[in-house]
Every structure is written in structure tokens, then in C-alpha cells.
PDB file of N, CA and C in Angstrom:
ATOM      1  N   MET A   1     -52.198-127.961   4.961  1.00  0.00           N
ATOM      2  CA  MET A   1     -51.825-126.535   4.180  1.00  0.00           C
ATOM      3  C   MET A   1     -50.487-125.721   4.935  1.00  0.00           C
ATOM      4  N   ILE A   2     -49.618-125.187   4.741  1.00  0.00           N
ATOM      5  CA  ILE A   2     -48.929-123.824   4.676  1.00  0.00           C
ATOM      6  C   ILE A   2     -49.349-122.728   4.259  1.00  0.00           C
ATOM      7  N   VAL A   3     -49.462-122.047   5.360  1.00  0.00           N
ATOM      8  CA  VAL A   3     -49.676-120.932   5.028  1.00  0.00           C
ATOM      9  C   VAL A   3     -48.401-119.808   5.838  1.00  0.00           C
ATOM     10  N   VAL A   4     -48.004-119.008   4.700  1.00  0.00           N
ATOM     11  CA  VAL A   4     -47.086-118.042   5.108  1.00  0.00           C
ATOM     12  C   VAL A   4     -47.250-117.067   5.242  1.00  0.00           C
ATOM     13  N   ASN A   5     -47.028-115.868   6.187  1.00  0.00           N
ATOM     14  CA  ASN A   5     -48.459-114.441   6.445  1.00  0.00           C
ATOM     15  C   ASN A   5     -46.978-113.409   6.705  1.00  0.00           C
ATOM     16  N   GLY A   6     -47.094-112.154   6.240  1.00  0.00           N
ATOM     17  CA  GLY A   6     -46.486-111.085   6.040  1.00  0.00           C
ATOM     18  C   GLY A   6     -46.439-110.267   4.601  1.00  0.00           C
ATOM     19  N   ILE A   7     -45.280-109.908   4.464  1.00  0.00           N
ATOM     20  CA  ILE A   7     -45.446-108.595   3.866  1.00  0.00           C
ATOM     21  C   ILE A   7     -44.885-108.925   2.571  1.00  0.00           C
ATOM     22  N   LYS A   8     -44.601-108.336   1.469  1.00  0.00           N
ATOM     23  CA  LYS A   8     -44.140-108.785   0.383  1.00  0.00           C
ATOM     24  C   LYS A   8     -42.683-108.244   0.322  1.00  0.00           C
ATOM     25  N   ASN A   9     -42.791-107.246   0.750  1.00  0.00           N
ATOM     26  CA  ASN A   9     -40.849-106.350   0.660  1.00  0.00           C
ATOM     27  C   ASN A   9     -40.379-106.899   1.739  1.00  0.00           C
ATOM     28  N   CYS A  10     -40.582-107.844   3.074  1.00  0.00           N
ATOM     29  CA  CYS A  10     -40.377-108.049   3.684  1.00  0.00           C
ATOM     30  C   CYS A  10     -39.054-108.643   3.213  1.00  0.00           C
ATOM     31  N   ASP A  11     -37.815-108.977   3.895  1.00  0.00           N
ATOM     32  CA  ASP A  11     -36.593-109.521   3.648  1.00  0.00           C
ATOM     33  C   ASP A  11     -36.339-111.267   4.354  1.00  0.00           C
ATOM     34  N   SER A  12     -36.857-111.635   5.346  1.00  0.00           N
ATOM     35  CA  SER A  12     -37.751-112.547   6.142  1.00  0.00           C
ATOM     36  C   SER A  12     -38.550-113.143   5.161  1.00  0.00           C
ATOM     37  N   VAL A  13     -39.366-113.107   5.084  1.00  0.00           N
ATOM     38  CA  VAL A  13     -40.531-113.410   4.260  1.00  0.00           C
ATOM     39  C   VAL A  13     -39.768-113.910   3.099  1.00  0.00           C
ATOM     40  N   LYS A  14     -39.190-112.424   2.187  1.00  0.00           N
ATOM     41  CA  LYS A  14     -38.604-113.179   1.116  1.00  0.00           C
ATOM     42  C   LYS A  14     -37.509-114.537   0.643  1.00  0.00           C
ATOM     43  N   LYS A  15     -37.227-114.399   2.423  1.00  0.00           N
ATOM     44  CA  LYS A  15     -35.915-115.650   2.102  1.00  0.00           C
ATOM     45  C   LYS A  15     -37.084-116.745   2.478  1.00  0.00           C
ATOM     46  N   ALA A  16     -38.004-116.796   3.354  1.00  0.00           N
ATOM     47  CA  ALA A  16     -38.771-118.168   3.453  1.00  0.00           C
ATOM     48  C   ALA A  16     -39.450-118.878   2.509  1.00  0.00           C
ATOM     49  N   LEU A  17     -40.517-117.824   1.087  1.00  0.00           N
ATOM     50  CA  LEU A  17     -40.819-117.666   0.549  1.00  0.00           C
ATOM     51  C   LEU A  17     -39.909-118.752  -0.699  1.00  0.00           C
ATOM     52  N   LYS A  18     -38.338-118.422  -0.439  1.00  0.00           N
ATOM     53  CA  LYS A  18     -37.454-118.844  -1.466  1.00  0.00           C
ATOM     54  C   LYS A  18     -36.794-120.037  -1.199  1.00  0.00           C
ATOM     55  N   PHE A  19     -37.422-120.647  -0.013  1.00  0.00           N
ATOM     56  CA  PHE A  19     -37.198-121.600   0.842  1.00  0.00           C
ATOM     57  C   PHE A  19     -37.967-122.260   0.646  1.00  0.00           C
ATOM     58  N   LEU A  20     -39.164-122.041   0.475  1.00  0.00           N
ATOM     59  CA  LEU A  20     -40.429-123.372   0.256  1.00  0.00           C
ATOM     60  C   LEU A  20     -40.475-123.492  -1.108  1.00  0.00           C
ATOM     61  N   LYS A  21     -40.206-122.025  -2.263  1.00  0.00           N
ATOM     62  CA  LYS A  21     -40.289-122.357  -3.312  1.00  0.00           C
ATOM     63  C   LYS A  21     -38.982-123.518  -4.204  1.00  0.00           C
ATOM     64  N   ASP A  22     -37.948-123.192  -4.086  1.00  0.00           N
ATOM     65  CA  ASP A  22     -36.757-123.547  -3.830  1.00  0.00           C
ATOM     66  C   ASP A  22     -36.888-125.520  -3.296  1.00  0.00           C
ATOM     67  N   ASN A  23     -37.440-125.669  -2.340  1.00  0.00           N
ATOM     68  CA  ASN A  23     -37.783-126.946  -1.946  1.00  0.00           C
ATOM     69  C   ASN A  23     -38.917-127.700  -2.249  1.00  0.00           C
ATOM     70  N   ASN A  24     -39.523-127.092  -3.140  1.00  0.00           N
ATOM     71  CA  ASN A  24     -40.688-127.690  -4.025  1.00  0.00           C
ATOM     72  C   ASN A  24     -41.998-128.020  -2.551  1.00  0.00           C
ATOM     73  N   ILE A  25     -41.814-127.129  -1.852  1.00  0.00           N
ATOM     74  CA  ILE A  25     -43.387-127.016  -0.692  1.00  0.00           C
ATOM     75  C   ILE A  25     -44.469-126.262  -0.938  1.00  0.00           C
ATOM     76  N   GLU A  26     -45.445-126.513  -0.920  1.00  0.00           N
ATOM     77  CA  GLU A  26     -46.632-125.937  -1.427  1.00  0.00           C
ATOM     78  C   GLU A  26     -46.850-125.166  -0.318  1.00  0.00           C
ATOM     79  N   PHE A  27     -47.821-123.797  -0.566  1.00  0.00           N
ATOM     80  CA  PHE A  27     -47.977-122.921   0.579  1.00  0.00           C
ATOM     81  C   PHE A  27     -48.563-121.844  -0.108  1.00  0.00           C
ATOM     82  N   THR A  28     -49.493-121.073   0.867  1.00  0.00           N
ATOM     83  CA  THR A  28     -50.613-119.837   0.090  1.00  0.00           C
ATOM     84  C   THR A  28     -49.736-119.156   1.323  1.00  0.00           C
ATOM     85  N   PHE A  29     -49.758-117.573   0.335  1.00  0.00           N
ATOM     86  CA  PHE A  29     -49.234-116.573   1.053  1.00  0.00           C
ATOM     87  C   PHE A  29     -50.102-115.540   1.411  1.00  0.00           C
ATOM     88  N   ARG A  30     -50.546-114.664   3.167  1.00  0.00           N
ATOM     89  CA  ARG A  30     -51.353-113.609   2.856  1.00  0.00           C
ATOM     90  C   ARG A  30     -50.415-112.888   3.101  1.00  0.00           C
ATOM     91  N   ASP A  31     -50.713-111.520   2.423  1.00  0.00           N
ATOM     92  CA  ASP A  31     -50.050-109.796   2.582  1.00  0.00           C
ATOM     93  C   ASP A  31     -50.816-109.113   3.882  1.00  0.00           C
ATOM     94  N   PHE A  32     -50.130-109.446   4.753  1.00  0.00           N
ATOM     95  CA  PHE A  32     -51.051-108.420   5.665  1.00  0.00           C
ATOM     96  C   PHE A  32     -51.471-106.835   5.241  1.00  0.00           C
ATOM     97  N   LYS A  33     -50.589-106.781   4.038  1.00  0.00           N
ATOM     98  CA  LYS A  33     -50.812-105.108   4.057  1.00  0.00           C
ATOM     99  C   LYS A  33     -52.603-105.477   3.031  1.00  0.00           C
ATOM    100  N   THR A  34     -52.938-106.789   2.571  1.00  0.00           N
ATOM    101  CA  THR A  34     -54.306-106.151   1.860  1.00  0.00           C
ATOM    102  C   THR A  34     -55.195-107.332   2.866  1.00  0.00           C
ATOM    103  N   LYS A  35     -54.476-107.871   3.852  1.00  0.00           N
ATOM    104  CA  LYS A  35     -55.830-109.148   4.271  1.00  0.00           C
ATOM    105  C   LYS A  35     -55.082-108.951   6.070  1.00  0.00           C
ATOM    106  N   SER A  36     -55.905-108.423   6.886  1.00  0.00           N
ATOM    107  CA  SER A  36     -55.355-108.504   7.918  1.00  0.00           C
ATOM    108  C   SER A  36     -55.269-109.712   9.205  1.00  0.00           C
ATOM    109  N   ALA A  37     -54.574-110.006  10.285  1.00  0.00           N
ATOM    110  CA  ALA A  37     -55.090-111.282  10.586  1.00  0.00           C
ATOM    111  C   ALA A  37     -55.234-110.707  12.056  1.00  0.00           C
ATOM    112  N   ASP A  38     -56.748-111.008  12.900  1.00  0.00           N
ATOM    113  CA  ASP A  38     -57.614-111.017  13.282  1.00  0.00           C
ATOM    114  C   ASP A  38     -57.237-111.052  14.811  1.00  0.00           C
ATOM    115  N   CYS A  39     -57.900-110.407  15.791  1.00  0.00           N
ATOM    116  CA  CYS A  39     -57.361-110.502  17.001  1.00  0.00           C
ATOM    117  C   CYS A  39     -57.895-112.151  17.754  1.00  0.00           C
ATOM    118  N   ASP A  40     -58.817-112.944  17.152  1.00  0.00           N
ATOM    119  CA  ASP A  40     -59.004-114.302  17.443  1.00  0.00           C
ATOM    120  C   ASP A  40     -57.643-114.847  16.484  1.00  0.00           C
ATOM    121  N   GLU A  41     -57.559-114.455  15.684  1.00  0.00           N
ATOM    122  CA  GLU A  41     -56.201-115.511  15.137  1.00  0.00           C
ATOM    123  C   GLU A  41     -54.649-115.486  15.861  1.00  0.00           C
ATOM    124  N   ILE A  42     -54.363-113.661  15.492  1.00  0.00           N
ATOM    125  CA  ILE A  42     -53.353-113.781  16.862  1.00  0.00           C
ATOM    126  C   ILE A  42     -53.648-114.451  18.058  1.00  0.00           C
ATOM    127  N   SER A  43     -54.178-114.250  19.066  1.00  0.00           N
ATOM    128  CA  SER A  43     -54.541-115.169  20.201  1.00  0.00           C
ATOM    129  C   SER A  43     -54.228-116.592  20.050  1.00  0.00           C
ATOM    130  N   ALA A  44     -54.648-116.951  19.324  1.00  0.00           N
ATOM    131  CA  ALA A  44     -54.269-118.736  18.979  1.00  0.00           C
ATOM    132  C   ALA A  44     -53.011-118.649  18.706  1.00  0.00           C
ATOM    133  N   TRP A  45     -52.184-117.957  17.967  1.00  0.00           N
ATOM    134  CA  TRP A  45     -50.473-118.112  17.465  1.00  0.00           C
ATOM    135  C   TRP A  45     -50.421-118.281  19.185  1.00  0.00           C
ATOM    136  N   LEU A  46     -50.880-116.931  19.948  1.00  0.00           N
ATOM    137  CA  LEU A  46     -50.126-116.694  20.826  1.00  0.00           C
ATOM    138  C   LEU A  46     -50.277-117.932  21.939  1.00  0.00           C
ATOM    139  N   LYS A  47     -51.112-118.653  21.610  1.00  0.00           N
ATOM    140  CA  LYS A  47     -51.109-120.062  22.417  1.00  0.00           C
ATOM    141  C   LYS A  47     -49.874-120.806  22.215  1.00  0.00           C
ATOM    142  N   ASN A  48     -49.530-120.775  21.026  1.00  0.00           N
ATOM    143  CA  ASN A  48     -48.007-121.205  20.750  1.00  0.00           C
ATOM    144  C   ASN A  48     -46.838-120.802  20.628  1.00  0.00           C
ATOM    145  N   VAL A  49     -47.037-119.568  20.426  1.00  0.00           N
ATOM    146  CA  VAL A  49     -45.702-118.713  20.831  1.00  0.00           C
ATOM    147  C   VAL A  49     -45.586-117.574  21.662  1.00  0.00           C
ATOM    148  N   ASP A  50     -44.542-116.708  22.186  1.00  0.00           N
ATOM    149  CA  ASP A  50     -44.865-116.069  23.322  1.00  0.00           C
ATOM    150  C   ASP A  50     -44.820-114.560  22.042  1.00  0.00           C
ATOM    151  N   ILE A  51     -45.461-113.980  23.373  1.00  0.00           N
ATOM    152  CA  ILE A  51     -45.693-112.730  22.633  1.00  0.00           C
ATOM    153  C   ILE A  51     -44.333-111.578  22.495  1.00  0.00           C
ATOM    154  N   ASP A  52     -43.582-112.223  23.265  1.00  0.00           N
ATOM    155  CA  ASP A  52     -41.852-111.056  22.772  1.00  0.00           C
ATOM    156  C   ASP A  52     -41.629-111.618  21.257  1.00  0.00           C
ATOM    157  N   LYS A  53     -41.870-113.404  21.025  1.00  0.00           N
ATOM    158  CA  LYS A  53     -41.335-113.502  19.689  1.00  0.00           C
ATOM    159  C   LYS A  53     -42.166-113.189  18.452  1.00  0.00           C
ATOM    160  N   LEU A  54     -43.601-113.109  19.031  1.00  0.00           N
ATOM    161  CA  LEU A  54     -44.906-112.309  17.989  1.00  0.00           C
ATOM    162  C   LEU A  54     -44.605-110.630  17.774  1.00  0.00           C
ATOM    163  N   PHE A  55     -44.072-110.084  19.203  1.00  0.00           N
ATOM    164  CA  PHE A  55     -44.272-108.731  18.522  1.00  0.00           C
ATOM    165  C   PHE A  55     -42.702-108.384  18.504  1.00  0.00           C
ATOM    166  N   ASN A  56     -43.038-107.185  17.479  1.00  0.00           N
ATOM    167  CA  ASN A  56     -41.621-106.430  16.846  1.00  0.00           C
ATOM    168  C   ASN A  56     -41.370-105.751  17.422  1.00  0.00           C
ATOM    169  N   ALA A  57     -40.316-105.662  18.177  1.00  0.00           N
ATOM    170  CA  ALA A  57     -40.416-104.549  18.750  1.00  0.00           C
ATOM    171  C   ALA A  57     -38.609-103.726  18.024  1.00  0.00           C
ATOM    172  N   LYS A  58     -38.652-104.421  17.340  1.00  0.00           N
ATOM    173  CA  LYS A  58     -37.410-103.355  16.209  1.00  0.00           C
ATOM    174  C   LYS A  58     -37.990-103.192  15.022  1.00  0.00           C
ATOM    175  N   SER A  59     -39.376-103.429  14.595  1.00  0.00           N
ATOM    176  CA  SER A  59     -39.666-102.761  13.067  1.00  0.00           C
ATOM    177  C   SER A  59     -39.897-101.338  12.848  1.00  0.00           C
ATOM    178  N   THR A  60     -39.848-101.192  12.136  1.00  0.00           N
ATOM    179  CA  THR A  60     -40.383 -99.782  11.271  1.00  0.00           C
ATOM    180  C   THR A  60     -41.913 -99.009  12.126  1.00  0.00           C
ATOM    181  N   THR A  61     -42.431 -99.925  12.264  1.00  0.00           N
ATOM    182  CA  THR A  61     -43.869 -99.606  12.690  1.00  0.00           C
ATOM    183  C   THR A  61     -43.488 -99.109  14.199  1.00  0.00           C
ATOM    184  N   TYR A  62     -42.862-100.157  14.937  1.00  0.00           N
ATOM    185  CA  TYR A  62     -42.661 -99.474  16.289  1.00  0.00           C
ATOM    186  C   TYR A  62     -42.236 -98.104  16.325  1.00  0.00           C
ATOM    187  N   ARG A  63     -41.065 -98.028  15.644  1.00  0.00           N
ATOM    188  CA  ARG A  63     -40.212 -96.927  16.002  1.00  0.00           C
ATOM    189  C   ARG A  63     -40.935 -95.899  15.852  1.00  0.00           C
ATOM    190  N   LYS A  64     -41.783 -95.724  14.392  1.00  0.00           N
ATOM    191  CA  LYS A  64     -43.115 -94.497  13.563  1.00  0.00           C
ATOM    192  C   LYS A  64     -43.710 -94.163  14.891  1.00  0.00           C
ATOM    193  N   LEU A  65     -44.355 -94.912  15.677  1.00  0.00           N
ATOM    194  CA  LEU A  65     -45.557 -95.373  16.131  1.00  0.00           C
ATOM    195  C   LEU A  65     -45.093 -94.910  17.947  1.00  0.00           C
ATOM    196  N   ASN A  66     -43.726 -95.121  17.990  1.00  0.00           N
ATOM    197  CA  ASN A  66     -42.854 -94.434  19.308  1.00  0.00           C
ATOM    198  C   ASN A  66     -43.397 -95.249  20.827  1.00  0.00           C
ATOM    199  N   LEU A  67     -43.867 -96.707  20.431  1.00  0.00           N
ATOM    200  CA  LEU A  67     -44.099 -97.534  21.452  1.00  0.00           C
ATOM    201  C   LEU A  67     -42.878 -97.380  22.286  1.00  0.00           C
ATOM    202  N   LYS A  68     -41.666 -97.637  22.187  1.00  0.00           N
ATOM    203  CA  LYS A  68     -41.047 -97.657  23.315  1.00  0.00           C
ATOM    204  C   LYS A  68     -41.065 -96.801  24.857  1.00  0.00           C
ATOM    205  N   LYS A  69     -41.580 -95.713  24.379  1.00  0.00           N
ATOM    206  CA  LYS A  69     -41.360 -95.185  25.714  1.00  0.00           C
ATOM    207  C   LYS A  69     -42.642 -95.078  26.015  1.00  0.00           C
ATOM    208  N   LEU A  70     -43.785 -96.254  25.896  1.00  0.00           N
ATOM    209  CA  LEU A  70     -45.085 -96.528  26.542  1.00  0.00           C
ATOM    210  C   LEU A  70     -44.391 -97.389  27.659  1.00  0.00           C
ATOM    211  N   ASN A  71     -43.521 -98.244  27.463  1.00  0.00           N
ATOM    212  CA  ASN A  71     -43.004 -99.171  28.377  1.00  0.00           C
ATOM    213  C   ASN A  71     -44.691-100.310  28.301  1.00  0.00           C
ATOM    214  N   LEU A  72     -44.585-101.074  26.955  1.00  0.00           N
ATOM    215  CA  LEU A  72     -46.123-102.096  27.129  1.00  0.00           C
ATOM    216  C   LEU A  72     -46.222-103.023  28.096  1.00  0.00           C
ATOM    217  N   GLU A  73     -46.872-103.230  28.263  1.00  0.00           N
ATOM    218  CA  GLU A  73     -46.904-104.675  29.179  1.00  0.00           C
ATOM    219  C   GLU A  73     -48.006-105.715  28.043  1.00  0.00           C
ATOM    220  N   GLN A  74     -47.828-107.151  28.420  1.00  0.00           N
ATOM    221  CA  GLN A  74     -48.263-108.317  27.378  1.00  0.00           C
ATOM    222  C   GLN A  74     -49.401-107.296  26.925  1.00  0.00           C
ATOM    223  N   THR A  75     -50.605-107.540  27.382  1.00  0.00           N
ATOM    224  CA  THR A  75     -51.751-107.382  27.244  1.00  0.00           C
ATOM    225  C   THR A  75     -51.686-106.272  26.017  1.00  0.00           C
ATOM    226  N   ASP A  76     -51.128-104.649  26.150  1.00  0.00           N
ATOM    227  CA  ASP A  76     -51.008-103.393  25.849  1.00  0.00           C
ATOM    228  C   ASP A  76     -50.396-104.498  24.132  1.00  0.00           C
ATOM    229  N   LYS A  77     -49.137-104.823  24.158  1.00  0.00           N
ATOM    230  CA  LYS A  77     -48.931-105.401  23.411  1.00  0.00           C
ATOM    231  C   LYS A  77     -49.892-105.797  22.116  1.00  0.00           C
ATOM    232  N   ILE A  78     -50.681-107.026  22.852  1.00  0.00           N
ATOM    233  CA  ILE A  78     -51.516-107.869  22.197  1.00  0.00           C
ATOM    234  C   ILE A  78     -52.803-106.591  21.421  1.00  0.00           C
ATOM    235  N   ASP A  79     -52.944-106.102  22.266  1.00  0.00           N
ATOM    236  CA  ASP A  79     -53.598-105.105  21.813  1.00  0.00           C
ATOM    237  C   ASP A  79     -53.145-104.172  21.349  1.00  0.00           C
ATOM    238  N   TRP A  80     -51.956-103.947  20.596  1.00  0.00           N
ATOM    239  CA  TRP A  80     -51.430-102.719  19.576  1.00  0.00           C
ATOM    240  C   TRP A  80     -51.118-103.926  17.551  1.00  0.00           C
ATOM    241  N   LEU A  81     -50.747-105.089  18.414  1.00  0.00           N
ATOM    242  CA  LEU A  81     -51.072-106.133  17.690  1.00  0.00           C
ATOM    243  C   LEU A  81     -52.566-106.502  16.828  1.00  0.00           C
ATOM    244  N   CYS A  82     -53.303-106.486  17.452  1.00  0.00           N
ATOM    245  CA  CYS A  82     -54.418-106.651  16.612  1.00  0.00           C
ATOM    246  C   CYS A  82     -55.009-105.448  16.016  1.00  0.00           C
ATOM    247  N   ARG A  83     -54.200-103.975  16.491  1.00  0.00           N
ATOM    248  CA  ARG A  83     -54.369-103.190  15.766  1.00  0.00           C
ATOM    249  C   ARG A  83     -53.588-103.185  14.479  1.00  0.00           C
ATOM    250  N   GLU A  84     -52.897-103.044  14.509  1.00  0.00           N
ATOM    251  CA  GLU A  84     -51.317-103.019  13.629  1.00  0.00           C
ATOM    252  C   GLU A  84     -50.835-104.664  13.288  1.00  0.00           C
ATOM    253  N   ASN A  85     -51.222-104.838  12.350  1.00  0.00           N
ATOM    254  CA  ASN A  85     -50.402-106.289  12.040  1.00  0.00           C
ATOM    255  C   ASN A  85     -48.994-105.878  11.719  1.00  0.00           C
ATOM    256  N   LEU A  86     -48.533-104.520  10.962  1.00  0.00           N
ATOM    257  CA  LEU A  86     -46.866-104.658  10.865  1.00  0.00           C
ATOM    258  C   LEU A  86     -46.382-104.149  11.946  1.00  0.00           C
ATOM    259  N   LEU A  87     -46.948-104.620  13.393  1.00  0.00           N
ATOM    260  CA  LEU A  87     -46.009-104.929  14.391  1.00  0.00           C
ATOM    261  C   LEU A  87     -45.453-106.393  15.111  1.00  0.00           C
ATOM    262  N   ILE A  88     -45.904-107.401  13.945  1.00  0.00           N
ATOM    263  CA  ILE A  88     -45.894-108.804  14.192  1.00  0.00           C
ATOM    264  C   ILE A  88     -44.652-108.997  13.189  1.00  0.00           C
ATOM    265  N   LYS A  89     -43.995-110.135  13.935  1.00  0.00           N
ATOM    266  CA  LYS A  89     -42.414-110.241  13.576  1.00  0.00           C
ATOM    267  C   LYS A  89     -42.820-111.189  12.537  1.00  0.00           C
ATOM    268  N   ARG A  90     -42.401-110.909  11.142  1.00  0.00           N
ATOM    269  CA  ARG A  90     -42.522-111.687  10.076  1.00  0.00           C
ATOM    270  C   ARG A  90     -41.537-112.358   9.664  1.00  0.00           C
ATOM    271  N   PRO A  91     -41.528-113.744   9.159  1.00  0.00           N
ATOM    272  CA  PRO A  91     -43.163-114.285   8.344  1.00  0.00           C
ATOM    273  C   PRO A  91     -43.705-115.296   9.822  1.00  0.00           C
ATOM    274  N   VAL A  92     -44.664-115.386   9.798  1.00  0.00           N
ATOM    275  CA  VAL A  92     -45.753-116.316  10.599  1.00  0.00           C
ATOM    276  C   VAL A  92     -46.384-117.274  10.187  1.00  0.00           C
ATOM    277  N   ILE A  93     -45.520-118.536  10.278  1.00  0.00           N
ATOM    278  CA  ILE A  93     -45.939-119.932   9.051  1.00  0.00           C
ATOM    279  C   ILE A  93     -46.463-120.952   9.887  1.00  0.00           C
ATOM    280  N   GLN A  94     -48.180-120.613   9.802  1.00  0.00           N
ATOM    281  CA  GLN A  94     -48.658-121.740  10.248  1.00  0.00           C
ATOM    282  C   GLN A  94     -49.057-123.418   9.152  1.00  0.00           C
ATOM    283  N   TYR A  95     -48.319-124.253   9.753  1.00  0.00           N
ATOM    284  CA  TYR A  95     -48.526-125.633   9.171  1.00  0.00           C
ATOM    285  C   TYR A  95     -48.773-126.949  10.441  1.00  0.00           C
ATOM    286  N   PRO A  96     -49.271-127.654   9.743  1.00  0.00           N
ATOM    287  CA  PRO A  96     -50.289-128.760  10.729  1.00  0.00           C
ATOM    288  C   PRO A  96     -49.249-129.031  12.185  1.00  0.00           C
ATOM    289  N   GLY A  97     -47.518-129.130  12.045  1.00  0.00           N
ATOM    290  CA  GLY A  97     -46.845-129.252  13.456  1.00  0.00           C
ATOM    291  C   GLY A  97     -47.129-128.211  14.625  1.00  0.00           C
ATOM    292  N   GLY A  98     -47.197-126.919  13.573  1.00  0.00           N
ATOM    293  CA  GLY A  98     -47.492-125.320  14.655  1.00  0.00           C
ATOM    294  C   GLY A  98     -47.697-124.140  13.820  1.00  0.00           C
ATOM    295  N   ILE A  99     -46.793-123.458  14.712  1.00  0.00           N
ATOM    296  CA  ILE A  99     -46.338-122.176  14.043  1.00  0.00           C
ATOM    297  C   ILE A  99     -45.030-121.807  13.728  1.00  0.00           C
ATOM    298  N   ILE A 100     -44.572-121.113  12.962  1.00  0.00           N
ATOM    299  CA  ILE A 100     -42.495-120.555  13.140  1.00  0.00           C
ATOM    300  C   ILE A 100     -43.051-119.134  13.167  1.00  0.00           C
ATOM    301  N   VAL A 101     -42.407-118.482  13.867  1.00  0.00           N
ATOM    302  CA  VAL A 101     -42.211-117.097  13.489  1.00  0.00           C
ATOM    303  C   VAL A 101     -40.932-116.924  13.602  1.00  0.00           C
ATOM    304  N   GLY A 102     -41.050-116.262  12.020  1.00  0.00           N
ATOM    305  CA  GLY A 102     -39.363-115.357  12.170  1.00  0.00           C
ATOM    306  C   GLY A 102     -39.080-116.388  10.823  1.00  0.00           C
ATOM    307  N   TYR A 103     -37.800-116.001  10.624  1.00  0.00           N
ATOM    308  CA  TYR A 103     -36.625-117.145   9.158  1.00  0.00           C
ATOM    309  C   TYR A 103     -35.947-117.579  10.020  1.00  0.00           C
ATOM    310  N   ASP A 104     -35.442-118.724   9.613  1.00  0.00           N
ATOM    311  CA  ASP A 104     -34.407-119.605  10.311  1.00  0.00           C
ATOM    312  C   ASP A 104     -34.615-120.919   9.562  1.00  0.00           C
ATOM    313  N   LYS A 105     -33.609-120.828   8.948  1.00  0.00           N
ATOM    314  CA  LYS A 105     -33.179-121.871   7.331  1.00  0.00           C
ATOM    315  C   LYS A 105     -32.744-123.412   8.143  1.00  0.00           C
ATOM    316  N   GLU A 106     -32.009-123.055   9.203  1.00  0.00           N
ATOM    317  CA  GLU A 106     -32.368-125.052  10.343  1.00  0.00           C
ATOM    318  C   GLU A 106     -33.343-125.172  10.521  1.00  0.00           C
ATOM    319  N   ILE A 107     -34.472-124.435  11.581  1.00  0.00           N
ATOM    320  CA  ILE A 107     -35.788-124.989  11.641  1.00  0.00           C
ATOM    321  C   ILE A 107     -36.816-124.852  10.458  1.00  0.00           C
ATOM    322  N   TYR A 108     -36.864-124.840   9.552  1.00  0.00           N
ATOM    323  CA  TYR A 108     -36.955-124.886   8.500  1.00  0.00           C
ATOM    324  C   TYR A 108     -36.823-126.289   7.992  1.00  0.00           C
ATOM    325  N   GLU A 109     -35.563-126.313   7.323  1.00  0.00           N
ATOM    326  CA  GLU A 109     -34.839-127.815   7.281  1.00  0.00           C
ATOM    327  C   GLU A 109     -35.421-128.893   7.958  1.00  0.00           C
ATOM    328  N   MET A 110     -35.305-128.669   9.415  1.00  0.00           N
ATOM    329  CA  MET A 110     -36.276-129.614  10.360  1.00  0.00           C
ATOM    330  C   MET A 110     -37.967-130.055  10.664  1.00  0.00           C
ATOM    331  N   GLU A 111     -38.272-128.870  10.182  1.00  0.00           N
ATOM    332  CA  GLU A 111     -39.477-129.405   9.846  1.00  0.00           C
ATOM    333  C   GLU A 111     -40.228-129.286   8.798  1.00  0.00           C
ATOM    334  N   PHE A 112     -39.616-128.756   7.884  1.00  0.00           N
ATOM    335  CA  PHE A 112     -40.376-129.108   6.273  1.00  0.00           C
ATOM    336  C   PHE A 112     -39.677-129.775   5.266  1.00  0.00           C
ATOM    337  N   LEU A 113     -38.344-130.255   6.033  1.00  0.00           N
ATOM    338  CA  LEU A 113     -38.222-131.292   4.789  1.00  0.00           C
ATOM    339  C   LEU A 113     -37.458-132.220   5.364  1.00  0.00           C
TER     340      LEU A 113
END
């Protein structure tokens, strides 16, 4: 089963959902605003994805929290991801082949078609 994690109003999530729907690929969607990812789940993702890929240093949340001036180390980034799921780059797609972070049509075509 494919699980798309993100928030409904994110453009990258919208593109991912459209790709899956257009290609008749079954999935479930989890909105971080209503059901957060916990630290155990984030740690599991990080076994397959680099922290710098998962941690969204370009997000509005990152800027609002003024995290740039904290010069975060890897462990700090993990702690922040656990506290504030909106710092997670979206979408995070869990599927039997692994994890994909972000929207990339070529990768989606290679993995799902």
C-alpha cells in the first residue's frame, strides 16, 4: 500500500496526488495537520532518507521559527522534525519499495508505472 504524507494545501503534495490519481494508483493520504508523524516513524524514514532531504529548510515554518540562526546539527534537526511535522519536506511517500521525499515525476514514473 502507498501512503502519501503531507498537507492538503502543499503544491508538491497536490502534484503527487494528481499523478497517483491520473495513473489509477491506489493510495491513502495522511495530513500532518490532523495526524502527526511520531519520532519512531521519522527515525524509520531516516534509515532510508538523508536528514537534509527530509528536513525542509526552505519552508515557511523554518523561517517563522527562525531556525537558520540556530545552525542546527543533525540531532537538532531530528528533534525539530519530531516536534514540528511541518518542517518535513513534502510529500513523504511510503511504498513497498521504500520512501520518496518530494515530488519528482520521473522518479514516480520509474517506481509506480
